[in-house]
Amino acid sequence: MTIHKLKVFCTPFCPKCNELLIYLNKQNADYVSFDIDKDDKARKEAIKIAGTDDIESLDKLPIVVVGDKVLYGFNKKEIDKYLR
């Protein structure tokens, strides 16, 4: 089983999510993404991480998990800290 450095929870209609995935691909980042619209298990995990089931309207997406650190939204400088 492969352990990915980043876990990304997102939806296909979220512009920040799509921006993040494009950025991660350009950086050749080691990540796995979960579509919380299609993957119920991933949605439940994202809700547990965020502490609310209203993750889309609270502008929490994308949710990026790096070890025990959780990042909300797409902040390039913050993401870059974990890509090195």
C-alpha atoms as a PDB file:
ATOM      1  CA  MET A   1       0.000   0.000   0.000  1.00  0.00           C
ATOM      2  CA  THR A   2       1.340   3.413  -0.990  1.00  0.00           C
ATOM      3  CA  ILE A   3       1.394   6.129   1.652  1.00  0.00           C
ATOM      4  CA  HIS A   4       0.800   9.514   0.031  1.00  0.00           C
ATOM      5  CA  LYS A   5       2.226  12.631   1.584  1.00  0.00           C
ATOM      6  CA  LEU A   6      -0.948  14.698   0.991  1.00  0.00           C
ATOM      7  CA  LYS A   7      -4.626  13.741   1.184  1.00  0.00           C
ATOM      8  CA  VAL A   8      -6.879  16.155  -0.687  1.00  0.00           C
ATOM      9  CA  PHE A   9     -10.653  16.251  -0.181  1.00  0.00           C
ATOM     10  CA  CYS A  10     -12.432  18.181  -2.916  1.00  0.00           C
ATOM     11  CA  THR A  11     -15.347  18.428  -5.349  1.00  0.00           C
ATOM     12  CA  PRO A  12     -15.187  18.831  -9.121  1.00  0.00           C
ATOM     13  CA  PHE A  13     -17.238  22.073  -9.086  1.00  0.00           C
ATOM     14  CA  CYS A  14     -14.938  23.835  -6.583  1.00  0.00           C
ATOM     15  CA  PRO A  15     -12.611  26.305  -8.410  1.00  0.00           C
ATOM     16  CA  LYS A  16     -10.047  26.329  -5.567  1.00  0.00           C
ATOM     17  CA  CYS A  17     -10.011  22.514  -5.573  1.00  0.00           C
ATOM     18  CA  ASN A  18      -9.310  22.394  -9.304  1.00  0.00           C
ATOM     19  CA  GLU A  19      -6.605  25.064  -8.943  1.00  0.00           C
ATOM     20  CA  LEU A  20      -4.952  23.055  -6.184  1.00  0.00           C
ATOM     21  CA  LEU A  21      -5.008  19.781  -8.149  1.00  0.00           C
ATOM     22  CA  ILE A  22      -3.487  21.487 -11.215  1.00  0.00           C
ATOM     23  CA  TYR A  23      -0.803  23.033  -8.991  1.00  0.00           C
ATOM     24  CA  LEU A  24      -0.007  19.724  -7.273  1.00  0.00           C
ATOM     25  CA  ASN A  25       0.305  17.988 -10.649  1.00  0.00           C
ATOM     26  CA  LYS A  26       2.683  20.694 -11.916  1.00  0.00           C
ATOM     27  CA  GLN A  27       4.791  20.202  -8.772  1.00  0.00           C
ATOM     28  CA  ASN A  28       4.751  16.398  -9.198  1.00  0.00           C
ATOM     29  CA  ALA A  29       3.430  16.235  -5.638  1.00  0.00           C
ATOM     30  CA  ASP A  30       2.803  12.941  -3.901  1.00  0.00           C
ATOM     31  CA  TYR A  31      -0.927  13.144  -3.182  1.00  0.00           C
ATOM     32  CA  VAL A  32      -4.197  11.295  -3.404  1.00  0.00           C
ATOM     33  CA  SER A  33      -7.466  13.160  -3.979  1.00  0.00           C
ATOM     34  CA  PHE A  34     -10.957  12.203  -2.923  1.00  0.00           C
ATOM     35  CA  ASP A  35     -14.139  13.484  -4.593  1.00  0.00           C
ATOM     36  CA  ILE A  36     -16.431  13.981  -1.610  1.00  0.00           C
ATOM     37  CA  ASP A  37     -19.452  14.166  -3.950  1.00  0.00           C
ATOM     38  CA  LYS A  38     -18.915  10.625  -5.226  1.00  0.00           C
ATOM     39  CA  ASP A  39     -17.061   8.968  -2.345  1.00  0.00           C
ATOM     40  CA  ASP A  40     -19.278   8.737   0.735  1.00  0.00           C
ATOM     41  CA  LYS A  41     -16.495   7.358   2.947  1.00  0.00           C
ATOM     42  CA  ALA A  42     -14.227  10.284   1.980  1.00  0.00           C
ATOM     43  CA  ARG A  43     -17.082  12.746   2.602  1.00  0.00           C
ATOM     44  CA  LYS A  44     -17.565  11.348   6.117  1.00  0.00           C
ATOM     45  CA  GLU A  45     -13.818  11.634   6.758  1.00  0.00           C
ATOM     46  CA  ALA A  46     -13.780  15.258   5.498  1.00  0.00           C
ATOM     47  CA  ILE A  47     -16.769  16.105   7.735  1.00  0.00           C
ATOM     48  CA  LYS A  48     -14.978  14.559  10.711  1.00  0.00           C
ATOM     49  CA  ILE A  49     -11.804  16.555   9.927  1.00  0.00           C
ATOM     50  CA  ALA A  50     -13.665  19.859   9.442  1.00  0.00           C
ATOM     51  CA  GLY A  51     -15.977  19.292  12.401  1.00  0.00           C
ATOM     52  CA  THR A  52     -19.046  20.209  10.348  1.00  0.00           C
ATOM     53  CA  ASP A  53     -21.161  18.603   7.635  1.00  0.00           C
ATOM     54  CA  ASP A  54     -21.536  21.970   5.901  1.00  0.00           C
ATOM     55  CA  ILE A  55     -18.052  21.966   4.364  1.00  0.00           C
ATOM     56  CA  GLU A  56     -18.995  23.363   0.947  1.00  0.00           C
ATOM     57  CA  SER A  57     -20.831  26.478   2.123  1.00  0.00           C
ATOM     58  CA  LEU A  58     -18.270  27.274   4.827  1.00  0.00           C
ATOM     59  CA  ASP A  59     -15.602  27.618   2.138  1.00  0.00           C
ATOM     60  CA  LYS A  60     -13.456  24.891   3.723  1.00  0.00           C
ATOM     61  CA  LEU A  61     -12.641  23.180   0.422  1.00  0.00           C
ATOM     62  CA  PRO A  62     -10.228  21.934  -0.570  1.00  0.00           C
ATOM     63  CA  ILE A  63      -9.233  20.217   2.645  1.00  0.00           C
ATOM     64  CA  VAL A  64      -5.606  19.074   2.588  1.00  0.00           C
ATOM     65  CA  VAL A  65      -4.277  16.694   5.225  1.00  0.00           C
ATOM     66  CA  VAL A  66      -0.516  16.384   5.694  1.00  0.00           C
ATOM     67  CA  GLY A  67       0.275  14.046   8.579  1.00  0.00           C
ATOM     68  CA  ASP A  68      -1.579  15.569  11.528  1.00  0.00           C
ATOM     69  CA  LYS A  69      -1.827  19.060   9.944  1.00  0.00           C
ATOM     70  CA  VAL A  70      -5.029  20.200   8.200  1.00  0.00           C
ATOM     71  CA  LEU A  71      -5.085  23.013   5.630  1.00  0.00           C
ATOM     72  CA  TYR A  72      -8.313  24.601   4.377  1.00  0.00           C
ATOM     73  CA  GLY A  73      -8.589  26.249   0.994  1.00  0.00           C
ATOM     74  CA  PHE A  74      -5.718  26.722  -1.432  1.00  0.00           C
ATOM     75  CA  ASN A  75      -2.800  28.775  -0.159  1.00  0.00           C
ATOM     76  CA  LYS A  76       0.229  28.210  -2.381  1.00  0.00           C
ATOM     77  CA  LYS A  77       2.777  29.349   0.252  1.00  0.00           C
ATOM     78  CA  GLU A  78       1.250  27.037   2.859  1.00  0.00           C
ATOM     79  CA  ILE A  79       1.142  24.059   0.455  1.00  0.00           C
ATOM     80  CA  ASP A  80       4.745  24.709  -0.656  1.00  0.00           C
ATOM     81  CA  LYS A  81       5.950  24.166   2.929  1.00  0.00           C
ATOM     82  CA  TYR A  82       4.861  20.536   2.628  1.00  0.00           C
ATOM     83  CA  LEU A  83       6.059  19.868  -0.905  1.00  0.00           C
ATOM     84  CA  ARG A  84       9.773  20.205  -0.146  1.00  0.00           C
END
